[in-house]
Amino acid sequence: MKFLFSFFLIMPIVTLIHLSGHIFFVTIFGGVEKKIVIGCGNKLFSLLNIEVRKYYFWNGACEFKGLKHDNRLTNMLIYLGGSIFNLVSMLTVYSLVYQNILESSVIWYQFIYFSFYIMFFSLFPMYFSDGSPSDGKAAELALRNKLEDKVTDDIFVKKIENEDSCK
């Protein structure tokens, strides 16, 4: 029962934290029309710039349009932002449990597990079956200035009319 609770509640929260990391850096670097999408399938509801879909526990994405500061370093930080947020949240929860501020519980360890899981596979430098790079691979390509399309498995950049720098 605890695993199901963790899978259907903790996993989407960890995904939201990950996507918030991307959006945080997009915001810092001047991105506009930002949106976080939790899950896939038909849209259930929207709250501010967060859209929740039918299969809310499965994956997620963030979308934005353009960047005021668009270069290799800013793009690399945007790709790594999700994992940075997962790492910080994971270390924070672990620290709070270690200091007995939070009671040691399977739920917190599931949170740490899912955070590590998402962080690891996000950073692993690979291409997914649809051809999109993982965040780690996209960060590597951005650093080497070899990233042609700024789309990964969970980041989508909306097209801007008459502007070739943002795809």
Protein backbone atom coordinates (compact mmCIF):
# COMPACT_ATOMS: atom_id res chain seq x y z
CA MET A 1 0.00 0.00 0.00
CA LYS A 2 2.83 2.40 0.85
CA PHE A 3 4.47 1.73 -2.50
CA LEU A 4 1.24 2.49 -4.37
CA PHE A 5 0.85 5.68 -2.33
CA SER A 6 4.42 6.62 -3.19
CA PHE A 7 4.01 5.74 -6.86
CA PHE A 8 0.78 7.69 -7.34
CA LEU A 9 1.60 10.65 -5.07
CA ILE A 10 5.35 10.89 -4.40
CA MET A 11 6.45 10.18 -7.99
CA PRO A 12 4.33 13.03 -9.47
CA ILE A 13 5.67 15.38 -6.76
CA VAL A 14 9.25 14.40 -7.63
CA THR A 15 8.43 14.95 -11.32
CA LEU A 16 6.98 18.39 -10.48
CA ILE A 17 10.17 19.28 -8.58
CA HIS A 18 12.26 18.16 -11.58
CA LEU A 19 10.24 20.20 -14.06
CA SER A 20 10.25 23.19 -11.70
CA GLY A 21 14.04 23.11 -11.87
CA HIS A 22 13.92 23.50 -15.65
CA ILE A 23 11.34 26.29 -15.40
CA PHE A 24 13.35 28.06 -12.67
CA PHE A 25 16.34 28.43 -14.99
CA VAL A 26 14.11 29.27 -17.97
CA THR A 27 12.64 32.11 -15.86
CA ILE A 28 16.09 33.36 -14.80
CA PHE A 29 17.21 33.47 -18.43
CA GLY A 30 14.11 35.30 -19.67
CA GLY A 31 11.88 32.57 -21.07
CA VAL A 32 8.22 33.42 -21.63
CA GLU A 33 4.94 31.50 -21.96
CA LYS A 34 6.13 28.85 -19.50
CA LYS A 35 4.04 25.79 -18.71
CA ILE A 36 4.57 22.59 -16.73
CA VAL A 37 2.66 19.50 -17.84
CA ILE A 38 2.32 16.66 -15.33
CA GLY A 39 1.51 13.30 -16.91
CA CYS A 40 0.21 12.40 -20.33
CA GLY A 41 -3.16 11.78 -21.92
CA ASN A 42 -6.17 14.08 -21.84
CA LYS A 43 -6.00 17.28 -19.81
CA LEU A 44 -7.76 17.01 -16.44
CA PHE A 45 -7.26 20.58 -15.19
CA SER A 46 -4.89 23.54 -15.10
CA LEU A 47 -3.77 25.58 -12.13
CA LEU A 48 -1.74 28.71 -12.94
CA ASN A 49 0.90 27.46 -15.38
CA ILE A 50 0.65 23.79 -14.35
CA GLU A 51 -1.44 21.39 -16.43
CA VAL A 52 -2.37 17.99 -14.99
CA ARG A 53 -3.25 15.18 -17.36
CA LYS A 54 -5.15 11.90 -16.96
CA TYR A 55 -2.08 9.73 -16.35
CA TYR A 56 -0.54 12.25 -13.95
CA PHE A 57 1.89 9.68 -12.53
CA TRP A 58 3.52 9.01 -15.90
CA ASN A 59 6.20 11.44 -17.07
CA GLY A 60 5.89 15.18 -17.50
CA ALA A 61 7.20 18.06 -19.57
CA CYS A 62 7.76 21.78 -19.54
CA GLU A 63 7.27 24.24 -22.36
CA PHE A 64 8.48 27.76 -22.91
CA LYS A 65 8.99 30.29 -25.66
CA GLY A 66 12.28 32.02 -26.28
CA LEU A 67 15.06 33.09 -23.96
CA LYS A 68 16.40 36.57 -23.36
CA HIS A 69 19.82 35.08 -22.58
CA ASP A 70 20.35 32.22 -25.01
CA ASN A 71 23.82 30.70 -25.09
CA ARG A 72 25.60 27.44 -24.35
CA LEU A 73 25.88 28.05 -20.61
CA THR A 74 22.25 29.13 -20.11
CA ASN A 75 20.97 26.19 -22.17
CA MET A 76 23.18 23.78 -20.22
CA LEU A 77 21.82 25.10 -16.91
CA ILE A 78 18.24 24.77 -18.14
CA TYR A 79 18.84 21.11 -19.08
CA LEU A 80 20.55 20.39 -15.74
CA GLY A 81 18.02 22.42 -13.70
CA GLY A 82 15.66 19.51 -13.15
CA SER A 83 18.40 17.29 -11.74
CA ILE A 84 19.76 20.14 -9.64
CA PHE A 85 16.32 20.57 -8.04
CA ASN A 86 15.99 16.79 -7.53
CA LEU A 87 19.41 16.67 -5.85
CA VAL A 88 18.67 19.62 -3.57
CA SER A 89 15.25 18.24 -2.55
CA MET A 90 16.68 14.77 -1.99
CA LEU A 91 19.52 16.09 0.18
CA THR A 92 17.11 18.34 2.09
CA VAL A 93 14.74 15.49 2.93
CA TYR A 94 17.63 13.21 3.86
CA SER A 95 19.11 15.92 6.09
CA LEU A 96 15.76 16.54 7.81
CA VAL A 97 15.29 12.82 8.45
CA TYR A 98 18.88 12.48 9.67
CA GLN A 99 18.37 15.37 12.12
CA ASN A 100 15.08 13.82 13.31
CA ILE A 101 13.12 16.87 12.15
CA LEU A 102 11.15 14.54 9.88
CA GLU A 103 10.22 11.14 11.22
CA SER A 104 12.05 8.30 9.50
CA SER A 105 9.48 6.73 7.20
CA VAL A 106 9.22 4.60 4.09
CA ILE A 107 7.54 7.57 2.40
CA TRP A 108 10.64 9.78 2.78
CA TYR A 109 12.91 6.99 1.58
CA GLN A 110 10.60 6.45 -1.40
CA PHE A 111 10.88 10.21 -2.09
CA ILE A 112 14.68 9.93 -2.02
CA TYR A 113 14.58 6.80 -4.19
CA PHE A 114 12.31 8.34 -6.85
CA SER A 115 14.35 11.57 -6.81
CA PHE A 116 17.55 9.63 -7.40
CA TYR A 117 15.87 7.52 -10.09
CA ILE A 118 14.65 10.56 -12.04
CA MET A 119 17.95 12.40 -11.55
CA PHE A 120 20.05 9.42 -12.67
CA PHE A 121 18.13 8.67 -15.85
CA SER A 122 17.78 12.35 -16.66
CA LEU A 123 21.54 12.89 -16.42
CA PHE A 124 22.52 9.65 -18.18
CA PRO A 125 23.85 10.88 -21.56
CA MET A 126 21.75 8.97 -24.08
CA TYR A 127 19.17 9.30 -26.81
CA PHE A 128 15.65 7.99 -26.22
CA SER A 129 13.86 5.79 -28.76
CA ASP A 130 12.11 8.85 -30.26
CA GLY A 131 15.52 10.42 -30.97
CA SER A 132 15.32 13.09 -28.26
CA PRO A 133 18.34 13.42 -25.98
CA SER A 134 18.23 13.01 -22.22
CA ASP A 135 18.86 16.18 -20.21
CA GLY A 136 22.44 15.05 -19.61
CA LYS A 137 23.05 14.42 -23.31
CA ALA A 138 21.42 17.77 -24.21
CA ALA A 139 23.64 19.57 -21.67
CA GLU A 140 26.71 17.90 -23.17
CA LEU A 141 25.63 18.84 -26.71
CA ALA A 142 24.82 22.40 -25.64
CA LEU A 143 28.24 22.76 -24.03
CA ARG A 144 29.90 21.50 -27.22
CA ASN A 145 27.58 23.77 -29.28
CA LYS A 146 26.26 20.76 -31.22
CA LEU A 147 22.63 20.87 -30.15
CA GLU A 148 20.54 21.53 -33.23
CA ASP A 149 17.09 21.27 -31.65
CA LYS A 150 16.44 22.41 -28.07
CA VAL A 151 13.96 19.64 -27.34
CA THR A 152 14.63 16.82 -24.88
CA ASP A 153 12.38 14.16 -23.42
CA ASP A 154 10.84 16.70 -21.03
CA ILE A 155 11.63 20.16 -22.45
CA PHE A 156 9.82 21.67 -25.42
CA VAL A 157 10.63 25.08 -26.86
CA LYS A 158 7.72 26.70 -28.70
CA LYS A 159 8.54 28.20 -32.08
CA ILE A 160 8.77 31.95 -32.41
CA GLU A 161 7.76 33.43 -35.73
CA ASN A 162 10.66 34.99 -37.69
CA GLU A 163 13.28 33.96 -35.18
CA ASP A 164 15.61 31.10 -36.07
CA SER A 165 17.52 31.01 -32.78
CA CYS A 166 14.71 29.30 -30.88
CA LYS A 167 13.35 26.06 -32.25
